[in-house]
Amino acid sequence: MDALQMAIAWRKPLVGLLHHANRGSQYACADYRALLDQRGITCSRSRKGDCGDNAVAERFFARLKKEMVDDSD
């Protein structure tokens, strides 16, 4: 919750932002979902048992991190 609130305060996202998250309990709790709803943010999570739902987003961010953050190659 603290990280989400800090990100919202700093970045001031527009209504309609798509927030990619895994199926962790912290992303499914009522308070977290309520804060997302209050700010007009949609949470993108995989359906149970379907790990391919967010595969494209996960692959994109893995590649971005590798190319922009990790210069070990």
PDB file of N, CA and C in Angstrom:
ATOM      1  N   MET A   1       0.831  -1.186   0.000  1.00  0.00           N
ATOM      2  CA  MET A   1       0.000   0.000   0.000  1.00  0.00           C
ATOM      3  C   MET A   1       0.878   1.252   0.000  1.00  0.00           C
ATOM      4  N   ASP A   2       1.937   1.253   0.818  1.00  0.00           N
ATOM      5  CA  ASP A   2       2.804   2.428   0.876  1.00  0.00           C
ATOM      6  C   ASP A   2       3.452   2.709  -0.479  1.00  0.00           C
ATOM      7  N   ALA A   3       3.954   1.659  -1.123  1.00  0.00           N
ATOM      8  CA  ALA A   3       4.605   1.833  -2.421  1.00  0.00           C
ATOM      9  C   ALA A   3       3.613   2.349  -3.466  1.00  0.00           C
ATOM     10  N   LEU A   4       2.406   1.810  -3.463  1.00  0.00           N
ATOM     11  CA  LEU A   4       1.388   2.259  -4.409  1.00  0.00           C
ATOM     12  C   LEU A   4       1.022   3.720  -4.155  1.00  0.00           C
ATOM     13  N   GLN A   5       0.821   4.075  -2.902  1.00  0.00           N
ATOM     14  CA  GLN A   5       0.472   5.457  -2.570  1.00  0.00           C
ATOM     15  C   GLN A   5       1.597   6.417  -2.956  1.00  0.00           C
ATOM     16  N   MET A   6       2.846   6.001  -2.751  1.00  0.00           N
ATOM     17  CA  MET A   6       3.981   6.836  -3.129  1.00  0.00           C
ATOM     18  C   MET A   6       4.046   6.998  -4.649  1.00  0.00           C
ATOM     19  N   ALA A   7       3.838   5.914  -5.367  1.00  0.00           N
ATOM     20  CA  ALA A   7       3.871   5.979  -6.831  1.00  0.00           C
ATOM     21  C   ALA A   7       2.768   6.894  -7.359  1.00  0.00           C
ATOM     22  N   ILE A   8       1.588   6.801  -6.786  1.00  0.00           N
ATOM     23  CA  ILE A   8       0.472   7.657  -7.205  1.00  0.00           C
ATOM     24  C   ILE A   8       0.799   9.124  -6.929  1.00  0.00           C
ATOM     25  N   ALA A   9       1.355   9.401  -5.751  1.00  0.00           N
ATOM     26  CA  ALA A   9       1.686  10.783  -5.384  1.00  0.00           C
ATOM     27  C   ALA A   9       2.761  11.364  -6.300  1.00  0.00           C
ATOM     28  N   TRP A  10       3.767  10.596  -6.623  1.00  0.00           N
ATOM     29  CA  TRP A  10       4.879  11.090  -7.443  1.00  0.00           C
ATOM     30  C   TRP A  10       4.528  11.159  -8.920  1.00  0.00           C
ATOM     31  N   ARG A  11       3.854  10.131  -9.430  1.00  0.00           N
ATOM     32  CA  ARG A  11       3.633  10.032 -10.875  1.00  0.00           C
ATOM     33  C   ARG A  11       2.308  10.637 -11.338  1.00  0.00           C
ATOM     34  N   LYS A  12       1.348  10.766 -10.411  1.00  0.00           N
ATOM     35  CA  LYS A  12       0.031  11.338 -10.729  1.00  0.00           C
ATOM     36  C   LYS A  12      -0.564  10.714 -12.006  1.00  0.00           C
ATOM     37  N   PRO A  13      -0.811   9.394 -11.956  1.00  0.00           N
ATOM     38  CA  PRO A  13      -1.314   8.705 -13.154  1.00  0.00           C
ATOM     39  C   PRO A  13      -2.731   9.148 -13.529  1.00  0.00           C
ATOM     40  N   LEU A  14      -2.993   9.089 -14.819  1.00  0.00           N
ATOM     41  CA  LEU A  14      -4.322   9.422 -15.322  1.00  0.00           C
ATOM     42  C   LEU A  14      -5.279   8.263 -15.070  1.00  0.00           C
ATOM     43  N   VAL A  15      -6.558   8.555 -15.016  1.00  0.00           N
ATOM     44  CA  VAL A  15      -7.577   7.523 -14.889  1.00  0.00           C
ATOM     45  C   VAL A  15      -7.454   6.585 -16.084  1.00  0.00           C
ATOM     46  N   GLY A  16      -7.568   5.301 -15.828  1.00  0.00           N
ATOM     47  CA  GLY A  16      -7.457   4.314 -16.892  1.00  0.00           C
ATOM     48  C   GLY A  16      -6.117   3.608 -16.932  1.00  0.00           C
ATOM     49  N   LEU A  17      -5.205   3.982 -16.028  1.00  0.00           N
ATOM     50  CA  LEU A  17      -3.904   3.324 -15.964  1.00  0.00           C
ATOM     51  C   LEU A  17      -4.100   1.830 -15.763  1.00  0.00           C
ATOM     52  N   LEU A  18      -3.303   1.022 -16.434  1.00  0.00           N
ATOM     53  CA  LEU A  18      -3.330  -0.426 -16.269  1.00  0.00           C
ATOM     54  C   LEU A  18      -2.149  -0.820 -15.396  1.00  0.00           C
ATOM     55  N   HIS A  19      -2.424  -1.387 -14.241  1.00  0.00           N
ATOM     56  CA  HIS A  19      -1.406  -1.776 -13.263  1.00  0.00           C
ATOM     57  C   HIS A  19      -1.207  -3.286 -13.348  1.00  0.00           C
ATOM     58  N   HIS A  20      -0.026  -3.713 -13.784  1.00  0.00           N
ATOM     59  CA  HIS A  20       0.275  -5.137 -13.915  1.00  0.00           C
ATOM     60  C   HIS A  20       0.763  -5.669 -12.569  1.00  0.00           C
ATOM     61  N   ALA A  21       0.166  -6.755 -12.106  1.00  0.00           N
ATOM     62  CA  ALA A  21       0.560  -7.361 -10.832  1.00  0.00           C
ATOM     63  C   ALA A  21       0.436  -8.872 -10.930  1.00  0.00           C
ATOM     64  N   ASN A  22       1.131  -9.546 -10.044  1.00  0.00           N
ATOM     65  CA  ASN A  22       0.986 -11.001  -9.999  1.00  0.00           C
ATOM     66  C   ASN A  22      -0.197 -11.361  -9.099  1.00  0.00           C
ATOM     67  N   ARG A  23      -0.362 -12.622  -8.784  1.00  0.00           N
ATOM     68  CA  ARG A  23      -1.506 -13.057  -7.980  1.00  0.00           C
ATOM     69  C   ARG A  23      -1.211 -13.045  -6.489  1.00  0.00           C
ATOM     70  N   GLY A  24      -0.210 -12.300  -6.071  1.00  0.00           N
ATOM     71  CA  GLY A  24       0.130 -12.231  -4.654  1.00  0.00           C
ATOM     72  C   GLY A  24      -1.014 -11.690  -3.817  1.00  0.00           C
ATOM     73  N   SER A  25      -1.075 -12.147  -2.581  1.00  0.00           N
ATOM     74  CA  SER A  25      -2.179 -11.752  -1.697  1.00  0.00           C
ATOM     75  C   SER A  25      -2.212 -10.252  -1.455  1.00  0.00           C
ATOM     76  N   GLN A  26      -1.046  -9.596  -1.492  1.00  0.00           N
ATOM     77  CA  GLN A  26      -1.030  -8.145  -1.261  1.00  0.00           C
ATOM     78  C   GLN A  26      -1.773  -7.393  -2.360  1.00  0.00           C
ATOM     79  N   TYR A  27      -1.827  -7.969  -3.572  1.00  0.00           N
ATOM     80  CA  TYR A  27      -2.520  -7.314  -4.681  1.00  0.00           C
ATOM     81  C   TYR A  27      -4.013  -7.659  -4.713  1.00  0.00           C
ATOM     82  N   ALA A  28      -4.397  -8.661  -3.948  1.00  0.00           N
ATOM     83  CA  ALA A  28      -5.795  -9.088  -3.940  1.00  0.00           C
ATOM     84  C   ALA A  28      -6.552  -8.583  -2.718  1.00  0.00           C
ATOM     85  N   CYS A  29      -5.855  -7.987  -1.754  1.00  0.00           N
ATOM     86  CA  CYS A  29      -6.536  -7.546  -0.533  1.00  0.00           C
ATOM     87  C   CYS A  29      -7.509  -6.413  -0.843  1.00  0.00           C
ATOM     88  N   ALA A  30      -8.533  -6.319  -0.056  1.00  0.00           N
ATOM     89  CA  ALA A  30      -9.621  -5.351  -0.289  1.00  0.00           C
ATOM     90  C   ALA A  30      -9.118  -3.910  -0.263  1.00  0.00           C
ATOM     91  N   ASP A  31      -8.216  -3.578   0.663  1.00  0.00           N
ATOM     92  CA  ASP A  31      -7.719  -2.199   0.761  1.00  0.00           C
ATOM     93  C   ASP A  31      -6.943  -1.791  -0.497  1.00  0.00           C
ATOM     94  N   TYR A  32      -6.126  -2.694  -0.996  1.00  0.00           N
ATOM     95  CA  TYR A  32      -5.327  -2.414  -2.196  1.00  0.00           C
ATOM     96  C   TYR A  32      -6.240  -2.216  -3.406  1.00  0.00           C
ATOM     97  N   ARG A  33      -7.196  -3.139  -3.570  1.00  0.00           N
ATOM     98  CA  ARG A  33      -8.138  -3.033  -4.688  1.00  0.00           C
ATOM     99  C   ARG A  33      -8.981  -1.766  -4.580  1.00  0.00           C
ATOM    100  N   ALA A  34      -9.357  -1.397  -3.351  1.00  0.00           N
ATOM    101  CA  ALA A  34     -10.158  -0.188  -3.144  1.00  0.00           C
ATOM    102  C   ALA A  34      -9.374   1.057  -3.547  1.00  0.00           C
ATOM    103  N   LEU A  35      -8.080   1.100  -3.222  1.00  0.00           N
ATOM    104  CA  LEU A  35      -7.250   2.239  -3.603  1.00  0.00           C
ATOM    105  C   LEU A  35      -7.124   2.321  -5.123  1.00  0.00           C
ATOM    106  N   LEU A  36      -6.932   1.174  -5.775  1.00  0.00           N
ATOM    107  CA  LEU A  36      -6.880   1.162  -7.243  1.00  0.00           C
ATOM    108  C   LEU A  36      -8.191   1.684  -7.830  1.00  0.00           C
ATOM    109  N   ASP A  37      -9.305   1.177  -7.322  1.00  0.00           N
ATOM    110  CA  ASP A  37     -10.623   1.610  -7.812  1.00  0.00           C
ATOM    111  C   ASP A  37     -10.846   3.101  -7.598  1.00  0.00           C
ATOM    112  N   GLN A  38     -10.452   3.570  -6.418  1.00  0.00           N
ATOM    113  CA  GLN A  38     -10.631   4.979  -6.070  1.00  0.00           C
ATOM    114  C   GLN A  38      -9.884   5.883  -7.045  1.00  0.00           C
ATOM    115  N   ARG A  39      -8.737   5.425  -7.518  1.00  0.00           N
ATOM    116  CA  ARG A  39      -7.911   6.214  -8.441  1.00  0.00           C
ATOM    117  C   ARG A  39      -8.187   5.914  -9.909  1.00  0.00           C
ATOM    118  N   GLY A  40      -9.127   5.010 -10.185  1.00  0.00           N
ATOM    119  CA  GLY A  40      -9.456   4.681 -11.567  1.00  0.00           C
ATOM    120  C   GLY A  40      -8.392   3.841 -12.249  1.00  0.00           C
ATOM    121  N   ILE A  41      -7.674   3.039 -11.461  1.00  0.00           N
ATOM    122  CA  ILE A  41      -6.597   2.189 -11.967  1.00  0.00           C
ATOM    123  C   ILE A  41      -7.116   0.762 -12.093  1.00  0.00           C
ATOM    124  N   THR A  42      -6.876   0.137 -13.237  1.00  0.00           N
ATOM    125  CA  THR A  42      -7.280  -1.247 -13.469  1.00  0.00           C
ATOM    126  C   THR A  42      -6.110  -2.167 -13.174  1.00  0.00           C
ATOM    127  N   CYS A  43      -6.346  -3.205 -12.407  1.00  0.00           N
ATOM    128  CA  CYS A  43      -5.291  -4.163 -12.073  1.00  0.00           C
ATOM    129  C   CYS A  43      -5.341  -5.334 -13.053  1.00  0.00           C
ATOM    130  N   SER A  44      -4.233  -5.608 -13.696  1.00  0.00           N
ATOM    131  CA  SER A  44      -4.119  -6.718 -14.629  1.00  0.00           C
ATOM    132  C   SER A  44      -3.431  -7.876 -13.916  1.00  0.00           C
ATOM    133  N   ARG A  45      -4.157  -8.963 -13.718  1.00  0.00           N
ATOM    134  CA  ARG A  45      -3.584 -10.142 -13.064  1.00  0.00           C
ATOM    135  C   ARG A  45      -3.971 -11.376 -13.848  1.00  0.00           C
ATOM    136  N   SER A  46      -3.108 -12.368 -13.778  1.00  0.00           N
ATOM    137  CA  SER A  46      -3.416 -13.640 -14.434  1.00  0.00           C
ATOM    138  C   SER A  46      -4.591 -14.310 -13.750  1.00  0.00           C
ATOM    139  N   ARG A  47      -5.352 -15.062 -14.544  1.00  0.00           N
ATOM    140  CA  ARG A  47      -6.378 -15.906 -13.937  1.00  0.00           C
ATOM    141  C   ARG A  47      -5.691 -17.092 -13.283  1.00  0.00           C
ATOM    142  N   LYS A  48      -6.296 -17.615 -12.260  1.00  0.00           N
ATOM    143  CA  LYS A  48      -5.732 -18.759 -11.566  1.00  0.00           C
ATOM    144  C   LYS A  48      -5.519 -19.910 -12.551  1.00  0.00           C
ATOM    145  N   GLY A  49      -4.311 -20.446 -12.562  1.00  0.00           N
ATOM    146  CA  GLY A  49      -3.998 -21.576 -13.416  1.00  0.00           C
ATOM    147  C   GLY A  49      -3.701 -21.217 -14.858  1.00  0.00           C
ATOM    148  N   ASP A  50      -3.655 -19.916 -15.174  1.00  0.00           N
ATOM    149  CA  ASP A  50      -3.380 -19.488 -16.550  1.00  0.00           C
ATOM    150  C   ASP A  50      -2.224 -18.496 -16.538  1.00  0.00           C
ATOM    151  N   CYS A  51      -1.019 -19.031 -16.465  1.00  0.00           N
ATOM    152  CA  CYS A  51       0.161 -18.172 -16.342  1.00  0.00           C
ATOM    153  C   CYS A  51       0.446 -17.392 -17.617  1.00  0.00           C
ATOM    154  N   GLY A  52      -0.197 -17.719 -18.718  1.00  0.00           N
ATOM    155  CA  GLY A  52       0.041 -17.019 -19.969  1.00  0.00           C
ATOM    156  C   GLY A  52      -0.671 -15.695 -20.097  1.00  0.00           C
ATOM    157  N   ASP A  53      -1.623 -15.402 -19.203  1.00  0.00           N
ATOM    158  CA  ASP A  53      -2.392 -14.157 -19.296  1.00  0.00           C
ATOM    159  C   ASP A  53      -1.507 -12.927 -19.385  1.00  0.00           C
ATOM    160  N   ASN A  54      -0.517 -12.847 -18.524  1.00  0.00           N
ATOM    161  CA  ASN A  54       0.332 -11.660 -18.475  1.00  0.00           C
ATOM    162  C   ASN A  54       1.727 -11.920 -19.036  1.00  0.00           C
ATOM    163  N   ALA A  55       1.886 -12.967 -19.788  1.00  0.00           N
ATOM    164  CA  ALA A  55       3.202 -13.338 -20.312  1.00  0.00           C
ATOM    165  C   ALA A  55       3.805 -12.229 -21.162  1.00  0.00           C
ATOM    166  N   VAL A  56       2.994 -11.565 -21.971  1.00  0.00           N
ATOM    167  CA  VAL A  56       3.515 -10.506 -22.834  1.00  0.00           C
ATOM    168  C   VAL A  56       4.053  -9.356 -21.992  1.00  0.00           C
ATOM    169  N   ALA A  57       3.284  -8.919 -21.001  1.00  0.00           N
ATOM    170  CA  ALA A  57       3.732  -7.825 -20.140  1.00  0.00           C
ATOM    171  C   ALA A  57       4.969  -8.226 -19.350  1.00  0.00           C
ATOM    172  N   GLU A  58       4.994  -9.440 -18.827  1.00  0.00           N
ATOM    173  CA  GLU A  58       6.155  -9.893 -18.063  1.00  0.00           C
ATOM    174  C   GLU A  58       7.391  -9.964 -18.943  1.00  0.00           C
ATOM    175  N   ARG A  59       7.241 -10.432 -20.164  1.00  0.00           N
ATOM    176  CA  ARG A  59       8.374 -10.519 -21.089  1.00  0.00           C
ATOM    177  C   ARG A  59       8.880  -9.128 -21.454  1.00  0.00           C
ATOM    178  N   PHE A  60       7.958  -8.191 -21.688  1.00  0.00           N
ATOM    179  CA  PHE A  60       8.343  -6.817 -22.011  1.00  0.00           C
ATOM    180  C   PHE A  60       9.170  -6.210 -20.887  1.00  0.00           C
ATOM    181  N   PHE A  61       8.683  -6.319 -19.655  1.00  0.00           N
ATOM    182  CA  PHE A  61       9.388  -5.694 -18.544  1.00  0.00           C
ATOM    183  C   PHE A  61      10.708  -6.398 -18.231  1.00  0.00           C
ATOM    184  N   ALA A  62      10.774  -7.706 -18.443  1.00  0.00           N
ATOM    185  CA  ALA A  62      12.038  -8.423 -18.263  1.00  0.00           C
ATOM    186  C   ALA A  62      13.076  -7.912 -19.269  1.00  0.00           C
ATOM    187  N   ARG A  63      12.635  -7.722 -20.511  1.00  0.00           N
ATOM    188  CA  ARG A  63      13.535  -7.232 -21.555  1.00  0.00           C
ATOM    189  C   ARG A  63      13.956  -5.791 -21.271  1.00  0.00           C
ATOM    190  N   LEU A  64      12.996  -4.960 -20.870  1.00  0.00           N
ATOM    191  CA  LEU A  64      13.298  -3.569 -20.543  1.00  0.00           C
ATOM    192  C   LEU A  64      14.323  -3.495 -19.427  1.00  0.00           C
ATOM    193  N   LYS A  65      14.125  -4.281 -18.388  1.00  0.00           N
ATOM    194  CA  LYS A  65      15.061  -4.293 -17.265  1.00  0.00           C
ATOM    195  C   LYS A  65      16.442  -4.737 -17.727  1.00  0.00           C
ATOM    196  N   LYS A  66      16.489  -5.774 -18.536  1.00  0.00           N
ATOM    197  CA  LYS A  66      17.769  -6.289 -19.016  1.00  0.00           C
ATOM    198  C   LYS A  66      18.508  -5.246 -19.843  1.00  0.00           C
ATOM    199  N   GLU A  67      17.796  -4.561 -20.727  1.00  0.00           N
ATOM    200  CA  GLU A  67      18.437  -3.609 -21.618  1.00  0.00           C
ATOM    201  C   GLU A  67      18.721  -2.256 -20.980  1.00  0.00           C
ATOM    202  N   MET A  68      17.857  -1.820 -20.081  1.00  0.00           N
ATOM    203  CA  MET A  68      17.992  -0.470 -19.531  1.00  0.00           C
ATOM    204  C   MET A  68      18.642  -0.428 -18.146  1.00  0.00           C
ATOM    205  N   VAL A  69      18.561  -1.513 -17.391  1.00  0.00           N
ATOM    206  CA  VAL A  69      19.048  -1.477 -16.007  1.00  0.00           C
ATOM    207  C   VAL A  69      20.272  -2.361 -15.829  1.00  0.00           C
ATOM    208  N   ASP A  70      20.218  -3.560 -16.326  1.00  0.00           N
ATOM    209  CA  ASP A  70      21.272  -4.543 -16.104  1.00  0.00           C
ATOM    210  C   ASP A  70      22.279  -4.492 -17.248  1.00  0.00           C
ATOM    211  N   ASP A  71      23.468  -3.916 -16.996  1.00  0.00           N
ATOM    212  CA  ASP A  71      24.454  -3.855 -18.059  1.00  0.00           C
ATOM    213  C   ASP A  71      25.545  -4.911 -17.870  1.00  0.00           C
ATOM    214  N   SER A  72      25.160  -6.076 -17.392  1.00  0.00           N
ATOM    215  CA  SER A  72      26.122  -7.156 -17.190  1.00  0.00           C
ATOM    216  C   SER A  72      26.485  -7.849 -18.493  1.00  0.00           C
ATOM    217  N   ASP A  73      25.685  -7.643 -19.576  1.00  0.00           N
ATOM    218  CA  ASP A  73      25.999  -8.251 -20.875  1.00  0.00           C
ATOM    219  C   ASP A  73      26.943  -7.383 -21.668  1.00  0.00           C
TER     220      ASP A  73
END
